[in-house]
Amino acid sequence: IIAFVGFSSCSSDDDSNSNPSDEITDYLPLSVGNYWTYDVTSEGIASRDSLYSGNDTLISGVAHKKLKTLDVLPNGFYSTSLKNNGLRADNGTVKMSGTASFDYGLGNPIAISISNFIILKESGVANEQLSSVSGTFSQTVEGYPLNFTYTLKTVSDGQVASFTSPNADVYSNVIKTKVILNLKITTTQSIGGFPVTVTVLQPQDVVTSTQYYAQGIGMVHTNTNISYQLQEFPGFTLPFPSSGSQTQQEFLDTYVVEE
């Protein structure tokens, strides 16, 4: 199973709202008390998420809205990614700060630190990169030393005047954003007494999530594709499947928002 584990922001809660974030965005209203419910389908399994704006929180001295979920473990990529995360509107964008944890089915979950990571830009044009973070880390999985190189980025997918969701709901003035995780995995093994480094996962986008934001509402639909294909080497077998593929859909059901 490949899944998005979520974000955990390092912050101090301020329920008194003494330092609120004054900026607003029409495409993801963040006022405290705003909420959205989503129907989630994944590989034929149906579930439901409830996401809401909980309170003001300070991250590095800057006011953010903390997003929360009704369930301890939400089901959808989108609700999971925003849970306990700090969001703020800034000059026509929405930025988030926290730690992204991906469980992609290739070893242990990975944690990526994010600061002021843009998830939505109101004036974004198609293929415009909004934010990107790259790095490396290592894991040992069932005795196999694995080295990972990653890039997590968001890309604007343009705007449309009218969008018909796959569940037939119609929305006006919609912005699209893609969240993409690219991974490369190598391992160093002893062959004939000599260390040899081989690439077991060529650089590829293992997660691509397209999110649709409607003006005055927020996120109305998310389509997330998660897949990978490992290299094959005779006599060398890794402790997880050589390939994986999963698609998840999230559909807005009910919502209450104030600017």
Protein backbone atom coordinates (compact mmCIF):
# COMPACT_ATOMS: atom_id res chain seq x y z
CA ILE A 1 0.00 0.00 0.00
CA ILE A 2 1.27 3.44 -0.92
CA ALA A 3 -0.12 6.38 1.00
CA PHE A 4 0.54 9.96 2.01
CA VAL A 5 1.13 10.00 5.74
CA GLY A 6 0.87 13.74 6.25
CA PHE A 7 2.34 16.91 7.68
CA SER A 8 3.28 17.68 11.25
CA SER A 9 4.14 21.29 11.89
CA CYS A 10 6.43 22.48 14.66
CA SER A 11 4.49 25.38 16.16
CA SER A 12 2.91 26.99 19.18
CA ASP A 13 -0.90 27.10 19.36
CA ASP A 14 -2.60 30.40 20.10
CA ASP A 15 -6.31 29.79 20.63
CA SER A 16 -6.83 33.41 21.66
CA ASN A 17 -6.14 34.51 18.07
CA SER A 18 -3.86 37.26 19.36
CA ASN A 19 -1.75 37.23 16.22
CA PRO A 20 -4.04 36.35 13.33
CA SER A 21 -3.06 36.19 9.68
CA ASP A 22 -4.95 39.07 8.04
CA GLU A 23 -4.54 38.12 4.39
CA ILE A 24 -7.22 36.06 2.68
CA THR A 25 -7.50 33.98 -0.45
CA ASP A 26 -10.69 33.39 -2.41
CA TYR A 27 -9.60 29.88 -3.42
CA LEU A 28 -8.87 28.43 0.03
CA PRO A 29 -10.71 30.47 2.69
CA LEU A 30 -8.89 29.88 5.98
CA SER A 31 -11.12 31.55 8.59
CA VAL A 32 -11.32 29.62 11.85
CA GLY A 33 -14.33 27.30 11.76
CA ASN A 34 -14.36 26.78 8.01
CA TYR A 35 -14.83 23.11 7.17
CA TRP A 36 -15.10 20.74 4.23
CA THR A 37 -16.22 17.10 4.02
CA TYR A 38 -14.96 14.79 1.28
CA ASP A 39 -16.02 11.47 -0.17
CA VAL A 40 -12.91 9.40 -0.85
CA THR A 41 -12.58 6.42 -3.20
CA SER A 42 -9.42 4.34 -3.49
CA GLU A 43 -9.18 1.04 -5.35
CA GLY A 44 -12.91 0.44 -4.93
CA ILE A 45 -12.97 1.33 -1.22
CA ALA A 46 -15.17 4.27 -0.15
CA SER A 47 -14.53 6.43 2.91
CA ARG A 48 -15.08 9.96 4.16
CA ASP A 49 -12.96 12.82 5.56
CA SER A 50 -13.78 16.01 7.46
CA LEU A 51 -11.26 18.85 7.33
CA TYR A 52 -11.52 22.14 9.21
CA SER A 53 -9.58 25.29 10.09
CA GLY A 54 -8.95 24.92 13.80
CA ASN A 55 -7.10 27.89 15.26
CA ASP A 56 -4.31 30.39 14.77
CA THR A 57 -0.81 29.06 15.36
CA LEU A 58 2.64 30.65 15.25
CA ILE A 59 5.37 29.07 13.12
CA SER A 60 8.71 30.89 13.26
CA GLY A 61 6.83 33.87 14.67
CA VAL A 62 4.42 34.08 11.73
CA ALA A 63 0.67 33.49 12.12
CA HIS A 64 -0.78 30.46 10.32
CA LYS A 65 -4.09 28.64 10.42
CA LYS A 66 -3.82 25.08 11.74
CA LEU A 67 -5.83 22.60 9.67
CA LYS A 68 -7.34 19.67 11.54
CA THR A 69 -9.37 16.56 10.73
CA LEU A 70 -12.28 14.93 12.52
CA ASP A 71 -10.65 11.50 12.40
CA VAL A 72 -7.25 10.75 13.87
CA LEU A 73 -6.26 9.01 10.63
CA PRO A 74 -7.96 10.57 7.61
CA ASN A 75 -8.24 8.57 4.40
CA GLY A 76 -7.61 11.01 1.57
CA PHE A 77 -4.31 12.37 0.31
CA TYR A 78 -5.50 15.98 0.61
CA SER A 79 -6.95 15.87 4.13
CA THR A 80 -4.01 13.83 5.35
CA SER A 81 -1.52 16.28 3.88
CA LEU A 82 -3.11 19.29 5.57
CA LYS A 83 -3.77 17.69 8.96
CA ASN A 84 -1.92 19.53 11.77
CA ASN A 85 -0.21 21.67 9.19
CA GLY A 86 0.14 25.46 9.23
CA LEU A 87 -1.27 27.39 6.26
CA ARG A 88 -1.25 31.10 5.52
CA ALA A 89 -2.35 33.35 2.69
CA ASP A 90 0.40 35.56 1.29
CA ASN A 91 0.07 37.89 -1.68
CA GLY A 92 -2.26 35.71 -3.73
CA THR A 93 -0.70 32.40 -2.68
CA VAL A 94 -1.28 29.84 0.06
CA LYS A 95 1.88 28.66 1.83
CA MET A 96 2.33 25.78 4.24
CA SER A 97 5.01 24.87 6.72
CA GLY A 98 5.64 21.55 8.44
CA THR A 99 7.08 18.11 7.78
CA ALA A 100 5.78 16.00 4.92
CA SER A 101 5.82 12.25 5.54
CA PHE A 102 5.33 9.92 2.57
CA ASP A 103 4.63 6.20 2.87
CA TYR A 104 5.10 5.15 -0.75
CA GLY A 105 5.59 1.39 -0.24
CA LEU A 106 9.37 1.41 -0.80
CA GLY A 107 10.87 1.11 2.64
CA ASN A 108 10.01 3.20 5.67
CA PRO A 109 8.09 6.50 5.48
CA ILE A 110 10.21 9.53 4.61
CA ALA A 111 10.01 12.96 6.23
CA ILE A 112 10.58 16.15 4.23
CA SER A 113 10.87 19.49 6.00
CA ILE A 114 8.80 22.22 4.34
CA SER A 115 8.75 25.97 4.98
CA ASN A 116 6.63 28.51 3.09
CA PHE A 117 5.86 25.83 0.51
CA ILE A 118 3.34 27.21 -2.01
CA ILE A 119 0.38 24.90 -2.61
CA LEU A 120 -1.77 27.35 -4.56
CA LYS A 121 -1.22 30.54 -6.58
CA GLU A 122 -4.22 32.54 -7.74
CA SER A 123 -2.39 34.01 -10.77
CA GLY A 124 -0.51 30.81 -11.62
CA VAL A 125 -0.18 29.77 -15.26
CA ALA A 126 0.08 26.23 -16.60
CA ASN A 127 3.44 24.53 -15.90
CA GLU A 128 4.64 27.31 -13.59
CA GLN A 129 6.66 25.81 -10.74
CA LEU A 130 5.46 27.17 -7.42
CA SER A 131 7.80 25.54 -4.89
CA SER A 132 10.41 22.79 -4.77
CA VAL A 133 12.53 21.07 -2.14
CA SER A 134 15.19 18.41 -2.79
CA GLY A 135 17.47 16.25 -0.68
CA THR A 136 18.86 12.83 0.12
CA PHE A 137 18.55 10.31 2.93
CA SER A 138 19.40 6.67 3.64
CA GLN A 139 17.46 3.73 5.05
CA THR A 140 18.24 0.11 5.77
CA VAL A 141 15.26 -2.08 4.86
CA GLU A 142 15.48 -5.75 5.86
CA GLY A 143 19.26 -5.62 5.62
CA TYR A 144 19.41 -3.69 2.33
CA PRO A 145 21.10 -0.26 2.52
CA LEU A 146 19.08 2.12 0.33
CA ASN A 147 20.00 5.66 -0.68
CA PHE A 148 17.19 8.00 -1.74
CA THR A 149 17.28 11.20 -3.75
CA TYR A 150 14.01 13.14 -3.78
CA THR A 151 12.39 16.26 -5.17
CA LEU A 152 9.01 17.42 -3.91
CA LYS A 153 7.44 20.20 -5.95
CA THR A 154 4.19 21.98 -6.69
CA VAL A 155 3.29 23.13 -10.19
CA SER A 156 0.42 25.31 -11.35
CA ASP A 157 -1.82 23.48 -13.82
CA GLY A 158 -3.61 26.62 -14.96
CA GLN A 159 -7.14 27.91 -14.50
CA VAL A 160 -10.52 27.10 -16.03
CA ALA A 161 -13.74 29.12 -16.03
CA SER A 162 -15.84 26.00 -15.48
CA PHE A 163 -14.92 22.55 -14.16
CA THR A 164 -17.09 19.44 -14.12
CA SER A 165 -15.87 17.02 -11.47
CA PRO A 166 -15.90 13.27 -12.28
CA ASN A 167 -18.90 12.98 -9.93
CA ALA A 168 -20.77 15.48 -12.19
CA ASP A 169 -20.63 18.46 -9.80
CA VAL A 170 -19.92 21.73 -11.64
CA TYR A 171 -17.78 24.57 -10.29
CA SER A 172 -16.87 28.02 -11.63
CA ASN A 173 -13.46 29.73 -11.63
CA VAL A 174 -11.19 26.82 -10.74
CA ILE A 175 -7.42 26.77 -10.15
CA LYS A 176 -5.46 23.52 -10.59
CA THR A 177 -2.26 22.61 -8.73
CA LYS A 178 -0.12 19.48 -9.06
CA VAL A 179 1.90 18.03 -6.15
CA ILE A 180 4.70 15.80 -7.45
CA LEU A 181 7.19 13.59 -5.58
CA ASN A 182 10.13 12.34 -7.66
CA LEU A 183 12.37 9.60 -6.25
CA LYS A 184 15.60 7.84 -7.17
CA ILE A 185 16.86 4.85 -5.16
CA THR A 186 20.32 3.29 -5.24
CA THR A 187 21.97 0.54 -3.21
CA THR A 188 25.57 -0.52 -2.75
CA GLN A 189 26.19 -4.27 -2.67
CA SER A 190 29.30 -6.41 -2.47
CA ILE A 191 29.81 -8.28 -5.73
CA GLY A 192 32.91 -10.43 -6.00
CA GLY A 193 34.27 -8.72 -2.92
CA PHE A 194 33.95 -5.24 -4.44
CA PRO A 195 31.33 -2.59 -3.56
CA VAL A 196 29.05 -1.91 -6.52
CA THR A 197 26.37 0.79 -6.54
CA VAL A 198 23.31 0.07 -8.65
CA THR A 199 20.19 2.13 -9.32
CA VAL A 200 17.13 0.14 -8.33
CA LEU A 201 14.63 2.95 -9.01
CA GLN A 202 15.41 5.28 -11.87
CA PRO A 203 14.28 8.88 -11.20
CA GLN A 204 10.52 8.87 -11.61
CA ASP A 205 7.43 10.65 -10.33
CA VAL A 206 6.04 8.22 -7.78
CA VAL A 207 3.28 10.58 -6.59
CA THR A 208 1.29 12.99 -8.76
CA SER A 209 -1.70 14.64 -7.12
CA THR A 210 -3.86 17.12 -9.06
CA GLN A 211 -5.94 19.39 -6.84
CA TYR A 212 -8.83 21.60 -7.99
CA TYR A 213 -9.67 24.77 -6.04
CA ALA A 214 -12.94 26.64 -6.70
CA GLN A 215 -13.31 30.33 -5.97
CA GLY A 216 -15.14 30.99 -2.73
CA ILE A 217 -15.11 27.32 -1.71
CA GLY A 218 -11.67 25.69 -1.47
CA MET A 219 -10.50 22.30 -2.73
CA VAL A 220 -13.36 20.55 -4.56
CA HIS A 221 -11.64 17.54 -6.17
CA THR A 222 -8.30 15.75 -5.91
CA ASN A 223 -6.99 12.98 -8.17
CA THR A 224 -3.86 11.24 -6.86
CA ASN A 225 -1.83 8.68 -8.78
CA ILE A 226 0.90 6.75 -6.98
CA SER A 227 3.11 4.34 -8.93
CA TYR A 228 6.66 3.05 -9.29
CA GLN A 229 8.64 0.55 -11.36
CA LEU A 230 11.92 -0.91 -10.08
CA GLN A 231 14.86 -2.02 -12.18
CA GLU A 232 15.35 -5.78 -12.41
CA PHE A 233 18.70 -7.40 -11.67
CA PRO A 234 19.26 -11.18 -11.91
CA GLY A 235 19.96 -12.69 -8.50
CA PHE A 236 19.09 -9.49 -6.66
CA THR A 237 15.65 -9.18 -5.06
CA LEU A 238 14.51 -6.29 -2.88
CA PRO A 239 12.09 -6.88 0.04
CA PHE A 240 9.13 -5.13 -1.63
CA PRO A 241 7.18 -5.51 -4.89
CA SER A 242 8.97 -4.61 -8.11
CA SER A 243 6.09 -2.32 -9.09
CA GLY A 244 3.04 -0.65 -7.59
CA SER A 245 0.12 1.45 -8.76
CA GLN A 246 -2.78 3.12 -6.96
CA THR A 247 -5.33 5.84 -7.78
CA GLN A 248 -7.39 7.82 -5.30
CA GLN A 249 -10.21 10.32 -5.85
CA GLU A 250 -11.54 12.89 -3.37
CA PHE A 251 -14.82 14.75 -3.95
CA LEU A 252 -16.23 17.69 -2.01
CA ASP A 253 -19.55 16.82 -0.34
CA THR A 254 -20.45 19.62 2.09
CA TYR A 255 -18.73 22.80 3.22
CA VAL A 256 -19.13 25.97 5.28
CA VAL A 257 -16.70 28.82 4.63
CA GLU A 258 -16.26 32.46 5.52
CA GLU A 259 -13.63 34.69 4.00
